Amino acid sequence: MIKERIWESWRRLPHPIRWVTVACVGGTLVIAGVVFMVLPGPGIPLIIIGLAILATEFAWAERTLSQVKVRSSAMATKAKGKLGRKKTAPPTQPD
C-alpha cells in the first residue's frame, strides 16, 4: 500500500527531476563503489545497487545491469562446480 503510493508519487514528478535525481544518486553510488574497490569497503554491492537505480531511467544502465547479472550467474555456477569437486590426496610414498 505504502510502496504503491510512493511509486505513484515518484512517477508523477516531472521527467527532468526524476532523471537528475536518479543520475545523482545512482552515479554517486557507482563512484563510491569504484572508490571502495581500492579502499576497504563494499565496492561491488554499491556498484550493483547504483546500476539498479540508474536502470530505472537509463537504458544503457539496464543493459549493463543485465550483463552483470548474466556474468555473475555464470561465475557462481563455475564456483559451485569447483567447490563440488573433491581434491584427491597425493599418493604417499612408503618409508
N, C-alpha and C. Protein backbone atom coordinates (compact mmCIF):
# COMPACT_ATOMS: atom_id res chain seq x y z
N MET A 1 0.82 -1.19 0.00
CA MET A 1 0.00 0.00 0.00
C MET A 1 0.87 1.26 0.00
N ILE A 2 1.78 1.33 0.96
CA ILE A 2 2.65 2.50 1.03
C ILE A 2 3.60 2.52 -0.16
N LYS A 3 4.09 1.34 -0.53
CA LYS A 3 5.03 1.25 -1.65
C LYS A 3 4.39 1.75 -2.94
N GLU A 4 3.13 1.36 -3.17
CA GLU A 4 2.43 1.82 -4.38
C GLU A 4 2.21 3.33 -4.36
N ARG A 5 1.91 3.86 -3.18
CA ARG A 5 1.69 5.30 -3.06
C ARG A 5 2.98 6.07 -3.35
N ILE A 6 4.09 5.56 -2.81
CA ILE A 6 5.39 6.20 -3.07
C ILE A 6 5.72 6.12 -4.55
N TRP A 7 5.49 4.95 -5.17
CA TRP A 7 5.80 4.77 -6.58
C TRP A 7 4.96 5.71 -7.44
N GLU A 8 3.67 5.88 -7.10
CA GLU A 8 2.82 6.80 -7.85
C GLU A 8 3.32 8.24 -7.73
N SER A 9 3.70 8.63 -6.52
CA SER A 9 4.22 9.99 -6.30
C SER A 9 5.49 10.21 -7.10
N TRP A 10 6.34 9.18 -7.14
CA TRP A 10 7.60 9.27 -7.89
C TRP A 10 7.32 9.43 -9.37
N ARG A 11 6.38 8.67 -9.90
CA ARG A 11 6.06 8.73 -11.32
C ARG A 11 5.36 10.03 -11.71
N ARG A 12 4.73 10.71 -10.76
CA ARG A 12 4.07 11.98 -11.05
C ARG A 12 5.05 13.14 -11.16
N LEU A 13 6.26 12.96 -10.65
CA LEU A 13 7.26 14.03 -10.77
C LEU A 13 7.60 14.26 -12.24
N PRO A 14 7.93 15.47 -12.60
CA PRO A 14 8.35 15.74 -13.98
C PRO A 14 9.61 14.93 -14.32
N HIS A 15 9.68 14.52 -15.57
CA HIS A 15 10.78 13.66 -16.01
C HIS A 15 12.16 14.24 -15.72
N PRO A 16 12.42 15.52 -15.97
CA PRO A 16 13.76 16.04 -15.69
C PRO A 16 14.16 15.93 -14.21
N ILE A 17 13.20 16.09 -13.31
CA ILE A 17 13.52 15.97 -11.89
C ILE A 17 13.86 14.52 -11.55
N ARG A 18 13.07 13.58 -12.07
CA ARG A 18 13.37 12.16 -11.84
C ARG A 18 14.73 11.80 -12.42
N TRP A 19 15.00 12.27 -13.63
CA TRP A 19 16.23 11.96 -14.32
C TRP A 19 17.45 12.45 -13.54
N VAL A 20 17.40 13.69 -13.09
CA VAL A 20 18.52 14.28 -12.34
C VAL A 20 18.70 13.56 -11.00
N THR A 21 17.59 13.27 -10.32
CA THR A 21 17.67 12.59 -9.03
C THR A 21 18.29 11.21 -9.18
N VAL A 22 17.81 10.45 -10.15
CA VAL A 22 18.35 9.10 -10.39
C VAL A 22 19.82 9.17 -10.80
N ALA A 23 20.15 10.13 -11.66
CA ALA A 23 21.54 10.27 -12.10
C ALA A 23 22.46 10.60 -10.93
N CYS A 24 22.03 11.49 -10.05
CA CYS A 24 22.88 11.88 -8.91
C CYS A 24 23.04 10.75 -7.91
N VAL A 25 21.93 10.13 -7.52
CA VAL A 25 22.01 9.06 -6.51
C VAL A 25 22.72 7.83 -7.07
N GLY A 26 22.32 7.38 -8.25
CA GLY A 26 22.95 6.20 -8.85
C GLY A 26 24.41 6.43 -9.18
N GLY A 27 24.71 7.59 -9.74
CA GLY A 27 26.10 7.90 -10.07
C GLY A 27 26.98 7.98 -8.84
N THR A 28 26.45 8.57 -7.78
CA THR A 28 27.21 8.65 -6.53
C THR A 28 27.52 7.26 -5.98
N LEU A 29 26.53 6.36 -6.03
CA LEU A 29 26.76 5.00 -5.53
C LEU A 29 27.77 4.25 -6.39
N VAL A 30 27.70 4.42 -7.70
CA VAL A 30 28.67 3.74 -8.58
C VAL A 30 30.07 4.28 -8.33
N ILE A 31 30.21 5.58 -8.21
CA ILE A 31 31.53 6.18 -7.94
C ILE A 31 32.06 5.72 -6.58
N ALA A 32 31.18 5.71 -5.57
CA ALA A 32 31.61 5.23 -4.25
C ALA A 32 32.03 3.77 -4.32
N GLY A 33 31.32 2.96 -5.11
CA GLY A 33 31.69 1.57 -5.27
C GLY A 33 33.05 1.41 -5.92
N VAL A 34 33.33 2.23 -6.91
CA VAL A 34 34.65 2.17 -7.57
C VAL A 34 35.74 2.58 -6.58
N VAL A 35 35.48 3.59 -5.77
CA VAL A 35 36.46 4.01 -4.76
C VAL A 35 36.69 2.89 -3.75
N PHE A 36 35.59 2.22 -3.35
CA PHE A 36 35.72 1.14 -2.37
C PHE A 36 36.31 -0.13 -2.96
N MET A 37 36.52 -0.17 -4.26
CA MET A 37 37.25 -1.30 -4.84
C MET A 37 38.72 -1.20 -4.45
N VAL A 38 39.19 0.03 -4.24
CA VAL A 38 40.59 0.25 -3.85
C VAL A 38 40.71 0.33 -2.33
N LEU A 39 39.79 1.05 -1.70
CA LEU A 39 39.78 1.18 -0.25
C LEU A 39 38.95 0.05 0.35
N PRO A 40 39.12 -0.22 1.63
CA PRO A 40 38.30 -1.26 2.24
C PRO A 40 36.84 -0.81 2.34
N GLY A 41 35.97 -1.63 1.82
CA GLY A 41 34.55 -1.30 1.85
C GLY A 41 33.78 -2.15 0.86
N PRO A 42 32.47 -1.99 0.82
CA PRO A 42 31.61 -2.81 -0.05
C PRO A 42 31.55 -2.29 -1.49
N GLY A 43 32.60 -2.49 -2.25
CA GLY A 43 32.67 -1.92 -3.60
C GLY A 43 31.68 -2.51 -4.57
N ILE A 44 31.68 -3.82 -4.72
CA ILE A 44 30.82 -4.46 -5.73
C ILE A 44 29.34 -4.27 -5.42
N PRO A 45 28.89 -4.47 -4.17
CA PRO A 45 27.46 -4.24 -3.91
C PRO A 45 27.02 -2.80 -4.20
N LEU A 46 27.86 -1.82 -3.91
CA LEU A 46 27.49 -0.44 -4.19
C LEU A 46 27.38 -0.18 -5.69
N ILE A 47 28.27 -0.78 -6.46
CA ILE A 47 28.20 -0.62 -7.92
C ILE A 47 26.91 -1.24 -8.45
N ILE A 48 26.55 -2.41 -7.96
CA ILE A 48 25.33 -3.08 -8.43
C ILE A 48 24.09 -2.29 -8.03
N ILE A 49 24.05 -1.80 -6.80
CA ILE A 49 22.90 -1.00 -6.36
C ILE A 49 22.80 0.29 -7.17
N GLY A 50 23.94 0.93 -7.42
CA GLY A 50 23.95 2.14 -8.23
C GLY A 50 23.45 1.88 -9.65
N LEU A 51 23.88 0.77 -10.24
CA LEU A 51 23.40 0.42 -11.58
C LEU A 51 21.90 0.13 -11.57
N ALA A 52 21.41 -0.52 -10.52
CA ALA A 52 19.98 -0.81 -10.42
C ALA A 52 19.17 0.49 -10.35
N ILE A 53 19.67 1.45 -9.62
CA ILE A 53 18.98 2.75 -9.53
C ILE A 53 19.04 3.46 -10.88
N LEU A 54 20.21 3.46 -11.50
CA LEU A 54 20.34 4.11 -12.81
C LEU A 54 19.48 3.42 -13.87
N ALA A 55 19.27 2.11 -13.74
CA ALA A 55 18.49 1.36 -14.73
C ALA A 55 17.01 1.73 -14.72
N THR A 56 16.55 2.41 -13.68
CA THR A 56 15.15 2.83 -13.66
C THR A 56 14.87 3.94 -14.67
N GLU A 57 15.89 4.67 -15.08
CA GLU A 57 15.70 5.78 -16.03
C GLU A 57 16.55 5.69 -17.28
N PHE A 58 17.63 4.91 -17.26
CA PHE A 58 18.56 4.89 -18.38
C PHE A 58 18.67 3.49 -18.98
N ALA A 59 18.52 3.40 -20.31
CA ALA A 59 18.57 2.11 -20.99
C ALA A 59 19.97 1.51 -20.94
N TRP A 60 21.01 2.33 -21.04
CA TRP A 60 22.38 1.81 -21.01
C TRP A 60 22.67 1.14 -19.67
N ALA A 61 22.15 1.69 -18.60
CA ALA A 61 22.38 1.09 -17.28
C ALA A 61 21.61 -0.21 -17.16
N GLU A 62 20.44 -0.29 -17.76
CA GLU A 62 19.66 -1.53 -17.75
C GLU A 62 20.40 -2.64 -18.49
N ARG A 63 20.99 -2.32 -19.64
CA ARG A 63 21.76 -3.31 -20.39
C ARG A 63 22.99 -3.74 -19.60
N THR A 64 23.68 -2.79 -18.99
CA THR A 64 24.87 -3.11 -18.20
C THR A 64 24.51 -3.98 -17.01
N LEU A 65 23.41 -3.67 -16.34
CA LEU A 65 22.97 -4.46 -15.19
C LEU A 65 22.62 -5.88 -15.61
N SER A 66 21.98 -6.04 -16.77
CA SER A 66 21.65 -7.40 -17.23
C SER A 66 22.91 -8.18 -17.56
N GLN A 67 23.93 -7.52 -18.12
CA GLN A 67 25.20 -8.21 -18.38
C GLN A 67 25.87 -8.62 -17.08
N VAL A 68 25.80 -7.77 -16.06
CA VAL A 68 26.39 -8.10 -14.76
C VAL A 68 25.67 -9.31 -14.17
N LYS A 69 24.34 -9.35 -14.30
CA LYS A 69 23.58 -10.49 -13.78
C LYS A 69 23.98 -11.79 -14.48
N VAL A 70 24.11 -11.74 -15.81
CA VAL A 70 24.47 -12.94 -16.56
C VAL A 70 25.87 -13.41 -16.18
N ARG A 71 26.81 -12.49 -16.12
CA ARG A 71 28.20 -12.86 -15.80
C ARG A 71 28.34 -13.35 -14.37
N SER A 72 27.63 -12.73 -13.43
CA SER A 72 27.73 -13.18 -12.04
C SER A 72 27.08 -14.55 -11.87
N SER A 73 26.02 -14.81 -12.61
CA SER A 73 25.39 -16.13 -12.56
C SER A 73 26.35 -17.20 -13.11
N ALA A 74 27.03 -16.87 -14.20
CA ALA A 74 27.99 -17.82 -14.77
C ALA A 74 29.15 -18.06 -13.81
N MET A 75 29.61 -17.00 -13.16
CA MET A 75 30.71 -17.16 -12.20
C MET A 75 30.27 -17.98 -11.00
N ALA A 76 29.04 -17.80 -10.55
CA ALA A 76 28.52 -18.57 -9.41
C ALA A 76 28.42 -20.04 -9.77
N THR A 77 27.95 -20.33 -10.99
CA THR A 77 27.86 -21.72 -11.43
C THR A 77 29.24 -22.35 -11.51
N LYS A 78 30.20 -21.61 -12.02
CA LYS A 78 31.56 -22.11 -12.12
C LYS A 78 32.15 -22.36 -10.74
N ALA A 79 31.89 -21.45 -9.80
CA ALA A 79 32.41 -21.61 -8.44
C ALA A 79 31.77 -22.81 -7.75
N LYS A 80 30.48 -23.03 -7.97
CA LYS A 80 29.82 -24.19 -7.38
C LYS A 80 30.39 -25.48 -7.94
N GLY A 81 30.73 -25.47 -9.22
CA GLY A 81 31.33 -26.66 -9.84
C GLY A 81 32.69 -26.97 -9.24
N LYS A 82 33.48 -25.93 -8.99
CA LYS A 82 34.79 -26.15 -8.41
C LYS A 82 34.70 -26.57 -6.95
N LEU A 83 33.71 -26.07 -6.23
CA LEU A 83 33.55 -26.46 -4.83
C LEU A 83 33.03 -27.87 -4.71
N GLY A 84 32.28 -28.32 -5.72
CA GLY A 84 31.70 -29.65 -5.66
C GLY A 84 32.71 -30.76 -5.89
N ARG A 85 33.79 -30.45 -6.59
CA ARG A 85 34.82 -31.46 -6.86
C ARG A 85 35.70 -31.63 -5.62
N LYS A 86 35.94 -32.87 -5.30
CA LYS A 86 36.83 -33.13 -4.16
C LYS A 86 38.25 -33.31 -4.70
N LYS A 87 39.16 -32.74 -3.99
CA LYS A 87 40.56 -32.92 -4.36
C LYS A 87 41.03 -34.25 -3.77
N THR A 88 41.72 -34.97 -4.59
CA THR A 88 42.26 -36.22 -4.09
C THR A 88 43.63 -35.96 -3.48
N ALA A 89 43.90 -36.67 -2.42
CA ALA A 89 45.17 -36.51 -1.76
C ALA A 89 46.27 -37.13 -2.62
N PRO A 90 47.44 -36.52 -2.67
CA PRO A 90 48.53 -37.11 -3.46
C PRO A 90 48.95 -38.43 -2.84
N PRO A 91 49.38 -39.37 -3.65
CA PRO A 91 49.80 -40.66 -3.10
C PRO A 91 51.00 -40.49 -2.18
N THR A 92 50.97 -41.22 -1.11
CA THR A 92 52.07 -41.16 -0.16
C THR A 92 53.11 -42.19 -0.54
N GLN A 93 54.35 -41.84 -0.28
CA GLN A 93 55.43 -42.78 -0.58
C GLN A 93 55.74 -43.60 0.66
N PRO A 94 55.92 -44.90 0.46
CA PRO A 94 56.23 -45.74 1.62
C PRO A 94 57.62 -45.42 2.16
N ASP A 95 57.77 -45.47 3.46
CA ASP A 95 59.06 -45.20 4.10
C ASP A 95 59.93 -46.42 4.14
